[in-house]
Each structure stands twice: as structure tokens, then as C-alpha cells.
Amino acid sequence: MHLGFETQTVVGLRLMKLALGGAAAQAETRLMVMEKSNAAADALKEIVLGLAAGRGDRAPAKLVGLYRRRVRANRKRLTRRN
């Protein structure tokens, strides 16, 4: 549930940044695409490692933790004053 709320906050912050346009919006778009690709690859790695270790039952909790850390980092970055 926390992940859902944090994610919606980040989506809103990103939309505001993208709406302003310019170089910052372009950089945010590139960063967003890279982050999503990296997160998907890391999630797959966690699943494979868990299954290989016979602990596939831990994969959901590990994935939620992985995404929460990344979403939290994005929220901090997007709310920081420059």
C-alpha cells in the first residue's frame, strides 16, 4: 500500500517537471526510461536468484522492497530544491 502511495507522488512530481518542458524535462524523460529498464532487469535478477536458491517465496517481498527504495530515492530527488 505504501508503495502505491509513494509511486503516485512520484508520478505527480514527474508530470509537473515534464509539463514545464525544456532541457530538465528531456533529462527527466531519459532518466525515467533508464530507471525503468534497470528496475525491470534487477527485478528479474531477484526472481531468478530466489528461484535458484529455492526461495522463490521471498521474491514478492524482495521486489516490493527494491521498488520502494527506488521510488523513495526519486521522491527525494524530485522534491529537492535546486
N, C-alpha and C. Protein backbone atom coordinates (compact mmCIF):
# COMPACT_ATOMS: atom_id res chain seq x y z
N MET A 1 0.82 -1.18 0.00
CA MET A 1 0.00 0.00 0.00
C MET A 1 0.88 1.26 0.00
N HIS A 2 1.94 1.25 0.81
CA HIS A 2 2.84 2.40 0.86
C HIS A 2 3.48 2.64 -0.51
N LEU A 3 3.87 1.54 -1.14
CA LEU A 3 4.48 1.67 -2.47
C LEU A 3 3.53 2.37 -3.44
N GLY A 4 2.26 2.04 -3.39
CA GLY A 4 1.28 2.67 -4.28
C GLY A 4 1.17 4.17 -4.05
N PHE A 5 1.12 4.57 -2.77
CA PHE A 5 1.03 6.00 -2.46
C PHE A 5 2.30 6.74 -2.88
N GLU A 6 3.45 6.15 -2.57
CA GLU A 6 4.71 6.80 -2.93
C GLU A 6 4.85 6.91 -4.45
N THR A 7 4.42 5.88 -5.14
CA THR A 7 4.51 5.88 -6.60
C THR A 7 3.65 6.99 -7.20
N GLN A 8 2.44 7.15 -6.68
CA GLN A 8 1.57 8.20 -7.19
C GLN A 8 2.16 9.59 -6.96
N THR A 9 2.84 9.76 -5.83
CA THR A 9 3.51 11.03 -5.55
C THR A 9 4.59 11.30 -6.59
N VAL A 10 5.40 10.28 -6.88
CA VAL A 10 6.48 10.44 -7.85
C VAL A 10 5.90 10.70 -9.25
N VAL A 11 4.84 10.02 -9.60
CA VAL A 11 4.21 10.26 -10.90
C VAL A 11 3.77 11.72 -11.01
N GLY A 12 3.13 12.23 -9.96
CA GLY A 12 2.70 13.63 -9.97
C GLY A 12 3.87 14.59 -10.09
N LEU A 13 4.92 14.34 -9.32
CA LEU A 13 6.10 15.20 -9.37
C LEU A 13 6.74 15.17 -10.76
N ARG A 14 6.80 14.00 -11.34
CA ARG A 14 7.39 13.89 -12.68
C ARG A 14 6.53 14.59 -13.71
N LEU A 15 5.23 14.44 -13.61
CA LEU A 15 4.35 15.12 -14.57
C LEU A 15 4.51 16.62 -14.50
N MET A 16 4.65 17.15 -13.28
CA MET A 16 4.86 18.60 -13.15
C MET A 16 6.17 19.02 -13.81
N LYS A 17 7.21 18.21 -13.61
CA LYS A 17 8.50 18.54 -14.21
C LYS A 17 8.43 18.46 -15.73
N LEU A 18 7.76 17.44 -16.24
CA LEU A 18 7.64 17.28 -17.68
C LEU A 18 6.78 18.39 -18.29
N ALA A 19 5.78 18.84 -17.55
CA ALA A 19 4.89 19.90 -18.06
C ALA A 19 5.63 21.22 -18.26
N LEU A 20 6.69 21.42 -17.48
CA LEU A 20 7.48 22.65 -17.63
C LEU A 20 8.30 22.66 -18.91
N GLY A 21 8.56 21.47 -19.44
CA GLY A 21 9.30 21.35 -20.69
C GLY A 21 10.77 21.72 -20.55
N GLY A 22 11.41 21.87 -21.67
CA GLY A 22 12.81 22.27 -21.70
C GLY A 22 13.78 21.14 -21.44
N ALA A 23 15.02 21.53 -21.19
CA ALA A 23 16.10 20.56 -21.00
C ALA A 23 15.87 19.68 -19.78
N ALA A 24 15.32 20.27 -18.71
CA ALA A 24 15.08 19.48 -17.49
C ALA A 24 14.07 18.38 -17.75
N ALA A 25 13.05 18.68 -18.54
CA ALA A 25 12.03 17.67 -18.86
C ALA A 25 12.62 16.58 -19.74
N GLN A 26 13.47 16.95 -20.67
CA GLN A 26 14.11 15.95 -21.53
C GLN A 26 15.03 15.05 -20.71
N ALA A 27 15.78 15.63 -19.79
CA ALA A 27 16.68 14.84 -18.94
C ALA A 27 15.87 13.91 -18.05
N GLU A 28 14.76 14.39 -17.52
CA GLU A 28 13.90 13.56 -16.66
C GLU A 28 13.33 12.39 -17.45
N THR A 29 12.94 12.64 -18.68
CA THR A 29 12.40 11.57 -19.52
C THR A 29 13.45 10.49 -19.77
N ARG A 30 14.66 10.90 -20.11
CA ARG A 30 15.73 9.92 -20.33
C ARG A 30 16.02 9.14 -19.05
N LEU A 31 16.08 9.85 -17.94
CA LEU A 31 16.36 9.19 -16.66
C LEU A 31 15.25 8.20 -16.32
N MET A 32 14.01 8.59 -16.54
CA MET A 32 12.88 7.73 -16.24
C MET A 32 12.94 6.43 -17.04
N VAL A 33 13.22 6.53 -18.31
CA VAL A 33 13.30 5.34 -19.16
C VAL A 33 14.45 4.43 -18.71
N MET A 34 15.59 5.02 -18.42
CA MET A 34 16.73 4.23 -17.93
C MET A 34 16.40 3.54 -16.62
N GLU A 35 15.80 4.28 -15.71
CA GLU A 35 15.46 3.71 -14.40
C GLU A 35 14.48 2.55 -14.52
N LYS A 36 13.51 2.69 -15.38
CA LYS A 36 12.52 1.63 -15.54
C LYS A 36 13.16 0.38 -16.15
N SER A 37 14.05 0.57 -17.10
CA SER A 37 14.75 -0.58 -17.69
C SER A 37 15.63 -1.27 -16.66
N ASN A 38 16.37 -0.48 -15.88
CA ASN A 38 17.23 -1.05 -14.84
C ASN A 38 16.42 -1.75 -13.76
N ALA A 39 15.31 -1.16 -13.38
CA ALA A 39 14.47 -1.77 -12.34
C ALA A 39 13.91 -3.11 -12.82
N ALA A 40 13.49 -3.18 -14.06
CA ALA A 40 12.95 -4.43 -14.61
C ALA A 40 14.04 -5.51 -14.64
N ALA A 41 15.24 -5.13 -15.05
CA ALA A 41 16.36 -6.09 -15.08
C ALA A 41 16.71 -6.56 -13.67
N ASP A 42 16.73 -5.63 -12.72
CA ASP A 42 17.05 -6.00 -11.34
C ASP A 42 15.96 -6.87 -10.73
N ALA A 43 14.70 -6.61 -11.07
CA ALA A 43 13.60 -7.43 -10.57
C ALA A 43 13.72 -8.86 -11.11
N LEU A 44 14.02 -8.97 -12.39
CA LEU A 44 14.20 -10.29 -12.99
C LEU A 44 15.36 -11.03 -12.31
N LYS A 45 16.44 -10.31 -12.05
CA LYS A 45 17.59 -10.92 -11.37
C LYS A 45 17.20 -11.44 -10.00
N GLU A 46 16.44 -10.65 -9.23
CA GLU A 46 16.00 -11.07 -7.90
C GLU A 46 15.14 -12.33 -7.97
N ILE A 47 14.26 -12.38 -8.96
CA ILE A 47 13.39 -13.55 -9.12
C ILE A 47 14.22 -14.79 -9.44
N VAL A 48 15.13 -14.66 -10.40
CA VAL A 48 15.96 -15.79 -10.81
C VAL A 48 16.83 -16.27 -9.66
N LEU A 49 17.46 -15.33 -8.95
CA LEU A 49 18.31 -15.73 -7.82
C LEU A 49 17.50 -16.41 -6.72
N GLY A 50 16.30 -15.89 -6.46
CA GLY A 50 15.44 -16.51 -5.45
C GLY A 50 15.02 -17.91 -5.84
N LEU A 51 14.66 -18.09 -7.10
CA LEU A 51 14.27 -19.41 -7.57
C LEU A 51 15.44 -20.37 -7.55
N ALA A 52 16.61 -19.90 -7.95
CA ALA A 52 17.80 -20.75 -7.96
C ALA A 52 18.18 -21.19 -6.54
N ALA A 53 17.92 -20.34 -5.57
CA ALA A 53 18.24 -20.67 -4.18
C ALA A 53 17.10 -21.43 -3.50
N GLY A 54 16.03 -21.70 -4.25
CA GLY A 54 14.89 -22.40 -3.68
C GLY A 54 14.05 -21.52 -2.77
N ARG A 55 14.16 -20.21 -2.95
CA ARG A 55 13.43 -19.26 -2.12
C ARG A 55 12.57 -18.34 -2.97
N GLY A 56 11.89 -18.89 -3.93
CA GLY A 56 11.01 -18.10 -4.78
C GLY A 56 9.88 -17.45 -3.99
N ASP A 57 9.57 -18.02 -2.82
CA ASP A 57 8.50 -17.45 -1.99
C ASP A 57 8.87 -16.07 -1.44
N ARG A 58 10.14 -15.75 -1.43
CA ARG A 58 10.58 -14.44 -0.92
C ARG A 58 10.61 -13.36 -2.01
N ALA A 59 10.42 -13.76 -3.24
CA ALA A 59 10.53 -12.82 -4.36
C ALA A 59 9.57 -11.64 -4.24
N PRO A 60 8.29 -11.85 -3.93
CA PRO A 60 7.39 -10.68 -3.87
C PRO A 60 7.85 -9.62 -2.87
N ALA A 61 8.22 -10.03 -1.68
CA ALA A 61 8.68 -9.06 -0.68
C ALA A 61 9.96 -8.37 -1.12
N LYS A 62 10.87 -9.12 -1.73
CA LYS A 62 12.12 -8.52 -2.20
C LYS A 62 11.85 -7.49 -3.31
N LEU A 63 10.91 -7.82 -4.19
CA LEU A 63 10.61 -6.89 -5.29
C LEU A 63 9.95 -5.62 -4.77
N VAL A 64 9.04 -5.75 -3.81
CA VAL A 64 8.41 -4.56 -3.24
C VAL A 64 9.48 -3.69 -2.58
N GLY A 65 10.40 -4.30 -1.85
CA GLY A 65 11.49 -3.56 -1.22
C GLY A 65 12.37 -2.85 -2.25
N LEU A 66 12.69 -3.56 -3.31
CA LEU A 66 13.52 -2.99 -4.37
C LEU A 66 12.85 -1.75 -4.97
N TYR A 67 11.57 -1.87 -5.31
CA TYR A 67 10.86 -0.75 -5.91
C TYR A 67 10.63 0.38 -4.92
N ARG A 68 10.38 0.06 -3.65
CA ARG A 68 10.18 1.12 -2.66
C ARG A 68 11.43 1.97 -2.50
N ARG A 69 12.58 1.33 -2.46
CA ARG A 69 13.84 2.09 -2.34
C ARG A 69 14.02 3.03 -3.53
N ARG A 70 13.73 2.55 -4.70
CA ARG A 70 13.91 3.38 -5.90
C ARG A 70 12.89 4.50 -5.98
N VAL A 71 11.66 4.21 -5.64
CA VAL A 71 10.62 5.24 -5.65
C VAL A 71 10.95 6.30 -4.61
N ARG A 72 11.39 5.88 -3.43
CA ARG A 72 11.74 6.83 -2.37
C ARG A 72 12.89 7.73 -2.81
N ALA A 73 13.88 7.15 -3.48
CA ALA A 73 15.01 7.94 -3.97
C ALA A 73 14.54 8.97 -5.00
N ASN A 74 13.62 8.57 -5.87
CA ASN A 74 13.08 9.51 -6.86
C ASN A 74 12.30 10.63 -6.19
N ARG A 75 11.50 10.29 -5.19
CA ARG A 75 10.74 11.32 -4.48
C ARG A 75 11.68 12.33 -3.84
N LYS A 76 12.74 11.84 -3.21
CA LYS A 76 13.72 12.76 -2.59
C LYS A 76 14.37 13.65 -3.64
N ARG A 77 14.75 13.04 -4.75
CA ARG A 77 15.42 13.81 -5.81
C ARG A 77 14.48 14.86 -6.40
N LEU A 78 13.23 14.47 -6.62
CA LEU A 78 12.29 15.38 -7.27
C LEU A 78 11.77 16.48 -6.34
N THR A 79 11.88 16.31 -5.04
CA THR A 79 11.42 17.34 -4.10
C THR A 79 12.56 18.20 -3.58
N ARG A 80 13.78 17.84 -3.94
CA ARG A 80 14.95 18.63 -3.51
C ARG A 80 14.92 19.98 -4.19
N ARG A 81 15.27 21.00 -3.45
CA ARG A 81 15.32 22.36 -4.03
C ARG A 81 16.69 22.56 -4.67
N ASN A 82 16.66 23.06 -5.88
CA ASN A 82 17.92 23.31 -6.61
C ASN A 82 18.29 24.76 -6.56
